[in-house]
């Protein structure tokens, strides 16, 4: 019996300090002749009187919610003792059915109390009520009630994350993930918690696997994509970034952003033709994709500039054919840039004006020659 009580204390200790203190007091304070049944009986009497006082209080008030909280905590402890086995191992619950019927209506008040304080930005109080609500959801006393565990767990996760308690935030996020209505938001919290726990190579690997799984489920979620790009952009992950871009264009060929990413990676390596092909694929998907249109212009001009440098290094003077070929490439780049400026005249998406001036300067020189 004592071992069972101690294990229950440890279980509750992780969730509710009030219940821990109450249980410790009842277990270890000298109380001659008391047993589990008597403790349950005394607690049930307390619940009787608490119910009487509640009828005299206005609902939706701080006092009302506080009294409900105390009563529900007493109910959980009462049910624990009430369900304790007597001699011979038999269990004879005297108060569970009674308390289940008369207290069931107060379960949603714990959730209401949580949002009452949440809306007042009293987050610690809100979390206390939300935790107690989840405690009740695990009790056989309220097994008939349909709990909104996903919603409450999500807000507990959110508030825990705000306090930088990433361990608790991830724990509650795991509960919220089981609710389809909160799974997506809970997943974002969970993955951010994991990001804040990156200390070892194993942590990084686990984080990356989880993030890739979430990304595969919702490939258009910019949050997951951004977090993946942030991870791959860190030193030492260049090859992983390239492989990610290749995999993404294979798995999601209809996603313009994956083609743009692949193009940008080729740009960094001065693979102008490959980059242009990727950007053109992105533009095929979205004909007004300004960033891809601008990058196409940039690649064409960069390719022309590289060719010009190569020719000038091998010859003292460029031939007319060389100049004609270079001019054609710069003019092609200029057409793409004109298309960019028409879609983004105020340069809100890309700064195209500087490149435009450079092209005009180059074309002017070639014209004079």
Protein backbone atom coordinates (compact mmCIF):
# COMPACT_ATOMS: atom_id res chain seq x y z
CA UNK A 1 0.00 0.00 0.00
CA UNK A 2 2.71 2.49 1.02
CA UNK A 3 4.74 1.69 -2.10
CA UNK A 4 1.72 2.35 -4.32
CA UNK A 5 1.07 5.67 -2.59
CA UNK A 6 4.68 6.73 -2.99
CA UNK A 7 4.67 5.92 -6.70
CA UNK A 8 1.50 7.91 -7.14
CA UNK A 9 3.11 10.87 -5.36
CA UNK A 10 6.03 10.80 -7.78
CA UNK A 11 3.59 10.67 -10.70
CA UNK A 12 1.58 13.63 -9.42
CA UNK A 13 4.67 15.60 -8.40
CA UNK A 14 5.52 16.15 -12.05
CA UNK A 15 2.18 17.80 -12.62
CA UNK A 16 0.71 19.53 -9.60
CA UNK A 17 2.49 20.82 -6.54
CA UNK A 18 -0.77 21.22 -4.60
CA UNK A 19 -1.62 17.55 -4.92
CA UNK A 20 1.90 16.58 -3.94
CA UNK A 21 1.78 18.61 -0.75
CA UNK A 22 -1.67 17.26 0.12
CA UNK A 23 -0.62 13.67 -0.43
CA UNK A 24 2.60 14.07 1.53
CA UNK A 25 0.63 15.56 4.40
CA UNK A 26 -1.88 12.74 4.48
CA UNK A 27 0.78 10.06 4.16
CA UNK A 28 3.37 11.28 6.60
CA UNK A 29 1.61 13.44 9.16
CA UNK A 30 0.75 11.45 12.31
CA UNK A 31 -2.95 10.59 12.17
CA UNK A 32 -3.70 7.76 14.54
CA UNK A 33 -6.19 5.22 13.27
CA UNK A 34 -6.64 6.79 9.83
CA UNK A 35 -6.72 4.64 6.74
CA UNK A 36 -7.42 5.20 3.06
CA UNK A 37 -11.19 4.82 3.47
CA UNK A 38 -11.34 7.40 6.23
CA UNK A 39 -9.21 9.83 4.24
CA UNK A 40 -11.52 9.41 1.27
CA UNK A 41 -14.55 9.95 3.52
CA UNK A 42 -13.10 13.17 4.98
CA UNK A 43 -12.17 14.50 1.57
CA UNK A 44 -15.63 13.70 0.27
CA UNK A 45 -17.16 15.71 3.09
CA UNK A 46 -14.90 18.61 2.12
CA UNK A 47 -16.18 18.32 -1.44
CA UNK A 48 -19.77 18.41 -0.09
CA UNK A 49 -19.16 21.75 1.58
CA UNK A 50 -17.22 23.12 -1.39
CA UNK A 51 -20.14 22.36 -3.67
CA UNK A 52 -22.47 24.25 -1.35
CA UNK A 53 -20.28 27.37 -1.43
CA UNK A 54 -19.98 27.28 -5.22
CA UNK A 55 -23.71 27.79 -5.66
CA UNK A 56 -23.39 31.16 -3.96
CA UNK A 57 -20.60 32.44 -6.22
CA UNK A 58 -20.98 34.10 -9.63
CA UNK A 59 -19.57 32.00 -12.44
CA UNK A 60 -16.71 33.32 -14.61
CA UNK A 61 -15.04 34.99 -11.65
CA UNK A 62 -11.56 34.49 -10.20
CA UNK A 63 -13.02 33.38 -6.86
CA UNK A 64 -15.33 30.88 -8.53
CA UNK A 65 -12.51 29.36 -10.57
CA UNK A 66 -10.24 29.13 -7.53
CA UNK A 67 -12.89 27.25 -5.55
CA UNK A 68 -13.52 24.91 -8.49
CA UNK A 69 -9.79 24.23 -8.72
CA UNK A 70 -9.50 23.35 -5.02
CA UNK A 71 -12.55 21.11 -5.20
CA UNK A 72 -11.31 19.23 -8.26
CA UNK A 73 -7.91 18.68 -6.67
CA UNK A 74 -9.63 17.26 -3.60
CA UNK A 75 -11.72 15.05 -5.86
CA UNK A 76 -8.64 13.56 -7.52
CA UNK A 77 -7.02 12.75 -4.19
CA UNK A 78 -10.29 11.48 -2.76
CA UNK A 79 -10.66 9.13 -5.72
CA UNK A 80 -7.11 7.88 -5.23
CA UNK A 81 -7.80 6.83 -1.64
CA UNK A 82 -11.30 5.66 -2.48
CA UNK A 83 -9.85 3.27 -5.07
CA UNK A 84 -7.14 1.95 -2.76
CA UNK A 85 -7.43 -1.81 -2.15
CA UNK A 86 -8.55 -2.98 1.26
CA UNK A 87 -7.50 -6.18 2.96
CA UNK A 88 -7.38 -9.05 0.53
CA UNK A 89 -6.71 -6.70 -2.41
CA UNK A 90 -10.34 -5.92 -3.15
CA UNK A 91 -11.29 -2.43 -4.34
CA UNK A 92 -14.57 -0.96 -3.20
CA UNK A 93 -14.98 2.62 -4.43
CA UNK A 94 -17.69 4.32 -2.41
CA UNK A 95 -17.52 7.82 -3.86
CA UNK A 96 -16.36 7.52 -7.48
CA UNK A 97 -19.80 7.21 -9.06
CA UNK A 98 -21.23 10.00 -6.89
CA UNK A 99 -18.36 12.41 -7.52
CA UNK A 100 -18.22 11.56 -11.20
CA UNK A 101 -21.87 12.57 -11.62
CA UNK A 102 -21.86 15.71 -9.51
CA UNK A 103 -18.42 17.04 -10.52
CA UNK A 104 -18.48 16.28 -14.23
CA UNK A 105 -20.11 19.65 -14.96
CA UNK A 106 -17.13 21.45 -13.43
CA UNK A 107 -14.51 19.87 -15.70
CA UNK A 108 -15.05 22.40 -18.52
CA UNK A 109 -14.77 25.20 -15.95
CA UNK A 110 -11.07 24.33 -15.60
CA UNK A 111 -10.61 24.90 -19.31
CA UNK A 112 -12.66 28.10 -19.10
CA UNK A 113 -10.53 29.25 -16.18
CA UNK A 114 -7.38 28.62 -18.20
CA UNK A 115 -8.58 30.85 -21.02
CA UNK A 116 -9.93 33.39 -18.51
CA UNK A 117 -6.38 33.95 -17.24
CA UNK A 118 -4.77 33.43 -20.65
CA UNK A 119 -6.81 36.33 -22.06
CA UNK A 120 -5.66 38.44 -19.12
CA UNK A 121 -2.06 37.44 -19.92
CA UNK A 122 -1.71 35.84 -16.50
CA UNK A 123 0.08 32.89 -18.01
CA UNK A 124 1.21 31.13 -14.83
CA UNK A 125 -2.36 30.97 -13.54
CA UNK A 126 -3.60 29.84 -16.95
CA UNK A 127 -1.05 27.03 -17.00
CA UNK A 128 -2.10 25.85 -13.53
CA UNK A 129 -5.71 25.43 -14.65
CA UNK A 130 -4.73 23.83 -17.96
CA UNK A 131 -2.50 21.32 -16.15
CA UNK A 132 -5.27 20.42 -13.73
CA UNK A 133 -7.62 19.94 -16.67
CA UNK A 134 -5.17 17.42 -18.17
CA UNK A 135 -4.76 15.77 -14.76
CA UNK A 136 -8.52 15.23 -14.71
CA UNK A 137 -8.41 13.76 -18.19
CA UNK A 138 -6.17 10.97 -16.86
CA UNK A 139 -8.42 10.15 -13.92
CA UNK A 140 -10.94 7.31 -14.02
CA UNK A 141 -13.23 9.67 -12.14
CA UNK A 142 -13.99 11.59 -15.34
CA UNK A 143 -13.69 8.87 -17.96
CA UNK A 144 -17.13 9.73 -19.36
CA UNK A 145 -16.14 13.29 -20.24
CA UNK A 146 -14.87 14.13 -23.74
CA UNK A 147 -11.83 16.24 -23.05
CA UNK A 148 -10.35 18.84 -25.40
CA UNK A 149 -6.88 17.54 -24.63
CA UNK A 150 -5.42 18.67 -27.95
CA UNK A 151 -6.45 22.29 -27.50
CA UNK A 152 -5.40 22.55 -23.86
CA UNK A 153 -2.12 20.71 -24.46
CA UNK A 154 -1.35 23.04 -27.37
CA UNK A 155 -1.77 26.15 -25.23
CA UNK A 156 0.30 24.59 -22.45
CA UNK A 157 2.98 23.86 -25.03
CA UNK A 158 2.79 27.40 -26.38
CA UNK A 159 3.03 28.97 -22.92
CA UNK A 160 5.84 26.65 -21.86
CA UNK A 161 7.75 27.56 -25.01
CA UNK A 162 7.28 31.24 -24.17
CA UNK A 163 8.89 30.57 -20.80
CA UNK A 164 11.76 28.75 -22.58
CA UNK A 165 10.80 25.54 -20.81
CA UNK A 166 11.45 23.53 -23.95
CA UNK A 167 11.23 20.13 -22.26
CA UNK A 168 7.67 20.75 -21.05
CA UNK A 169 6.74 22.50 -24.28
CA UNK A 170 7.77 19.44 -26.29
CA UNK A 171 5.97 17.10 -23.88
CA UNK A 172 2.67 18.97 -24.24
CA UNK A 173 3.21 19.35 -27.99
CA UNK A 174 3.36 15.55 -28.25
CA UNK A 175 -0.13 15.41 -26.70
CA UNK A 176 -1.47 18.11 -29.02
CA UNK A 177 -0.04 16.33 -32.06
CA UNK A 178 -2.70 13.63 -31.60
CA UNK A 179 -5.44 16.18 -32.29
CA UNK A 180 -5.81 16.82 -36.01
CA UNK A 181 -6.99 20.38 -35.31
CA UNK A 182 -3.77 21.29 -33.52
CA UNK A 183 -1.25 18.87 -35.00
CA UNK A 184 0.26 21.34 -37.45
CA UNK A 185 0.79 24.13 -34.91
CA UNK A 186 1.99 21.67 -32.27
CA UNK A 187 4.50 20.24 -34.74
CA UNK A 188 6.02 23.69 -35.23
CA UNK A 189 6.46 24.09 -31.48
CA UNK A 190 7.94 20.61 -31.15
CA UNK A 191 10.45 21.11 -33.92
CA UNK A 192 11.47 24.49 -32.48
CA UNK A 193 11.97 22.83 -29.09
CA UNK A 194 14.19 20.24 -30.70
CA UNK A 195 16.12 23.02 -32.43
CA UNK A 196 16.83 24.58 -29.04
CA UNK A 197 18.13 21.24 -27.73
CA UNK A 198 20.78 20.73 -30.40
CA UNK A 199 23.86 19.83 -28.36
CA UNK A 200 25.17 16.57 -29.79
CA UNK A 201 25.44 15.01 -33.23
CA UNK A 202 22.65 12.63 -32.23
CA UNK A 203 20.40 15.61 -31.38
CA UNK A 204 21.11 17.15 -34.78
CA UNK A 205 20.37 13.90 -36.59
CA UNK A 206 17.10 13.38 -34.73
CA UNK A 207 16.11 17.00 -35.38
CA UNK A 208 16.86 16.73 -39.10
CA UNK A 209 14.92 13.46 -39.47
CA UNK A 210 11.88 14.92 -37.68
CA UNK A 211 12.05 18.11 -39.72
CA UNK A 212 12.32 16.24 -43.02
CA UNK A 213 9.33 14.09 -42.06
CA UNK A 214 7.25 17.17 -41.28
CA UNK A 215 8.38 18.79 -44.50
CA UNK A 216 7.36 15.71 -46.51
CA UNK A 217 3.90 15.81 -44.91
CA UNK A 218 3.41 19.51 -45.72
CA UNK A 219 5.96 20.42 -48.42
CA UNK A 220 4.42 23.88 -48.94
CA UNK A 221 4.88 24.87 -45.29
CA UNK A 222 7.39 27.72 -45.49
CA UNK A 223 8.27 27.37 -41.78
CA UNK A 224 9.67 23.86 -42.21
CA UNK A 225 11.37 24.75 -45.48
CA UNK A 226 12.99 27.78 -43.85
CA UNK A 227 14.22 25.73 -40.90
CA UNK A 228 15.69 23.12 -43.24
CA UNK A 229 17.47 25.78 -45.26
CA UNK A 230 18.79 27.33 -42.06
CA UNK A 231 20.14 23.96 -40.96
CA UNK A 232 21.72 23.16 -44.32
CA UNK A 233 23.18 26.67 -44.59
CA UNK A 234 25.35 26.13 -41.53
CA UNK A 235 29.03 25.28 -42.22
CA UNK A 236 29.72 21.71 -43.24
CA UNK A 237 26.30 20.99 -44.77
CA UNK A 238 26.88 22.19 -48.34
CA UNK A 239 26.62 18.74 -49.91
CA UNK A 240 23.45 18.00 -47.88
CA UNK A 241 21.93 21.23 -49.17
CA UNK A 242 22.62 20.25 -52.78
CA UNK A 243 21.19 16.77 -52.23
CA UNK A 244 18.12 18.25 -50.55
CA UNK A 245 17.49 20.53 -53.54
CA UNK A 246 17.87 17.62 -55.99
CA UNK A 247 15.56 15.41 -53.96
CA UNK A 248 12.97 18.15 -53.68
CA UNK A 249 12.80 18.78 -57.43
CA UNK A 250 12.36 15.03 -57.98
CA UNK A 251 9.68 14.62 -55.31
CA UNK A 252 7.89 17.92 -55.91
CA UNK A 253 8.54 18.98 -59.52
CA UNK A 254 5.49 21.25 -59.36
CA UNK A 255 6.99 23.35 -56.54
CA UNK A 256 8.55 26.51 -57.95
CA UNK A 257 10.56 27.21 -54.81
CA UNK A 258 12.45 23.93 -55.00
CA UNK A 259 13.55 24.77 -58.55
CA UNK A 260 14.53 28.26 -57.46
CA UNK A 261 16.61 26.79 -54.62
CA UNK A 262 18.36 24.45 -57.02
CA UNK A 263 19.05 27.38 -59.33
CA UNK A 264 20.48 29.48 -56.52
CA UNK A 265 22.85 26.69 -55.48
CA UNK A 266 24.09 26.40 -59.07
CA UNK A 267 24.53 30.18 -59.15
CA UNK A 268 26.87 29.98 -56.16
CA UNK A 269 29.05 27.56 -58.11
CA UNK A 270 28.86 29.71 -61.28
CA UNK A 271 27.06 26.93 -63.13
CA UNK A 272 25.13 29.46 -65.16
CA UNK A 273 23.50 27.14 -67.71
CA UNK A 274 22.26 24.73 -65.03
CA UNK A 275 20.98 27.62 -62.94
CA UNK A 276 19.13 29.12 -65.91
CA UNK A 277 17.40 25.79 -66.60
CA UNK A 278 16.22 25.55 -63.00
CA UNK A 279 14.92 29.11 -62.95
CA UNK A 280 13.11 28.55 -66.24
CA UNK A 281 11.39 25.51 -64.71
CA UNK A 282 10.26 27.70 -61.81
CA UNK A 283 8.96 30.32 -64.24
CA UNK A 284 7.07 27.66 -66.19
CA UNK A 285 5.19 26.96 -62.97
CA UNK A 286 4.68 30.65 -62.10
CA UNK A 287 5.10 33.07 -64.99
CA UNK A 288 5.25 36.09 -62.65
CA UNK A 289 7.81 34.63 -60.23
CA UNK A 290 9.85 37.84 -60.01
CA UNK A 291 12.84 36.44 -58.13
CA UNK A 292 13.32 33.64 -60.66
CA UNK A 293 12.94 36.03 -63.60
CA UNK A 294 15.54 38.38 -62.12
CA UNK A 295 17.93 35.51 -61.36
CA UNK A 296 17.61 34.33 -64.96
CA UNK A 297 18.68 37.79 -66.13
CA UNK A 298 21.55 37.79 -63.65
CA UNK A 299 22.77 34.35 -64.78
CA UNK A 300 22.66 35.27 -68.47
CA UNK A 301 24.65 38.45 -67.84
CA UNK A 302 27.10 36.67 -65.54
CA UNK A 303 27.65 34.01 -68.17
CA UNK A 304 28.33 36.75 -70.74
CA UNK A 305 30.73 38.53 -68.37
CA UNK A 306 32.64 35.28 -67.73
CA UNK A 307 32.91 34.67 -71.49
CA UNK A 308 34.07 38.26 -72.02
CA UNK A 309 36.80 37.88 -69.39
CA UNK A 310 37.91 34.60 -70.94
CA UNK A 311 38.12 36.13 -74.45
CA UNK A 312 39.97 39.19 -73.24
CA UNK A 313 42.50 37.03 -71.42
CA UNK A 314 43.19 34.98 -74.55
CA UNK A 315 43.16 37.86 -77.04
CA UNK A 316 44.56 41.36 -77.14
CA UNK A 317 41.47 42.66 -78.86
CA UNK A 318 37.93 41.28 -79.26
CA UNK A 319 36.80 40.54 -82.82
CA UNK A 320 33.56 41.85 -84.25
CA UNK A 321 32.10 38.36 -83.99
CA UNK A 322 33.06 38.22 -80.29
CA UNK A 323 31.46 41.59 -79.62
CA UNK A 324 28.33 40.62 -81.55
CA UNK A 325 27.97 37.38 -79.59
CA UNK A 326 28.48 39.11 -76.23
CA UNK A 327 26.04 41.85 -77.15
CA UNK A 328 23.39 39.27 -78.01
CA UNK A 329 23.78 37.66 -74.57
CA UNK A 330 23.59 40.97 -72.71
CA UNK A 331 20.54 41.95 -74.74
CA UNK A 332 18.92 38.65 -73.80
CA UNK A 333 19.66 39.39 -70.16
CA UNK A 334 18.24 42.89 -70.61
CA UNK A 335 14.94 41.43 -71.90
CA UNK A 336 14.58 39.33 -68.76
CA UNK A 337 15.40 42.37 -66.66
CA UNK A 338 12.77 44.46 -68.44
CA UNK A 339 10.28 41.75 -67.60
CA UNK A 340 11.44 41.97 -63.98
CA UNK A 341 11.04 45.76 -63.83
CA UNK A 342 7.53 45.54 -65.30
CA UNK A 343 6.46 43.16 -62.53
CA UNK A 344 8.37 44.92 -59.76
CA UNK A 345 8.68 48.62 -60.70
CA UNK A 346 9.35 49.75 -57.12
CA UNK A 347 11.96 47.04 -56.43
CA UNK A 348 9.97 45.54 -53.56
CA UNK A 349 10.95 41.97 -54.45
CA UNK A 350 14.41 42.41 -56.00
CA UNK A 351 16.90 45.24 -56.56
CA UNK A 352 17.09 45.06 -60.35
CA UNK A 353 18.02 48.69 -61.14
CA UNK A 354 21.75 48.31 -60.46
CA UNK A 355 22.06 45.35 -62.83
CA UNK A 356 20.06 47.26 -65.43
CA UNK A 357 22.51 50.16 -65.28
CA UNK A 358 25.45 47.79 -65.61
CA UNK A 359 23.93 46.15 -68.71
CA UNK A 360 23.25 49.53 -70.32
CA UNK A 361 26.82 50.55 -69.63
CA UNK A 362 28.20 47.37 -71.20
CA UNK A 363 25.91 47.62 -74.23
CA UNK A 364 26.90 51.25 -74.68
CA UNK A 365 30.59 50.32 -74.76
CA UNK A 366 30.03 47.50 -77.21
CA UNK A 367 28.02 49.81 -79.44
CA UNK A 368 30.91 52.27 -79.60
CA UNK A 369 33.29 49.51 -80.59
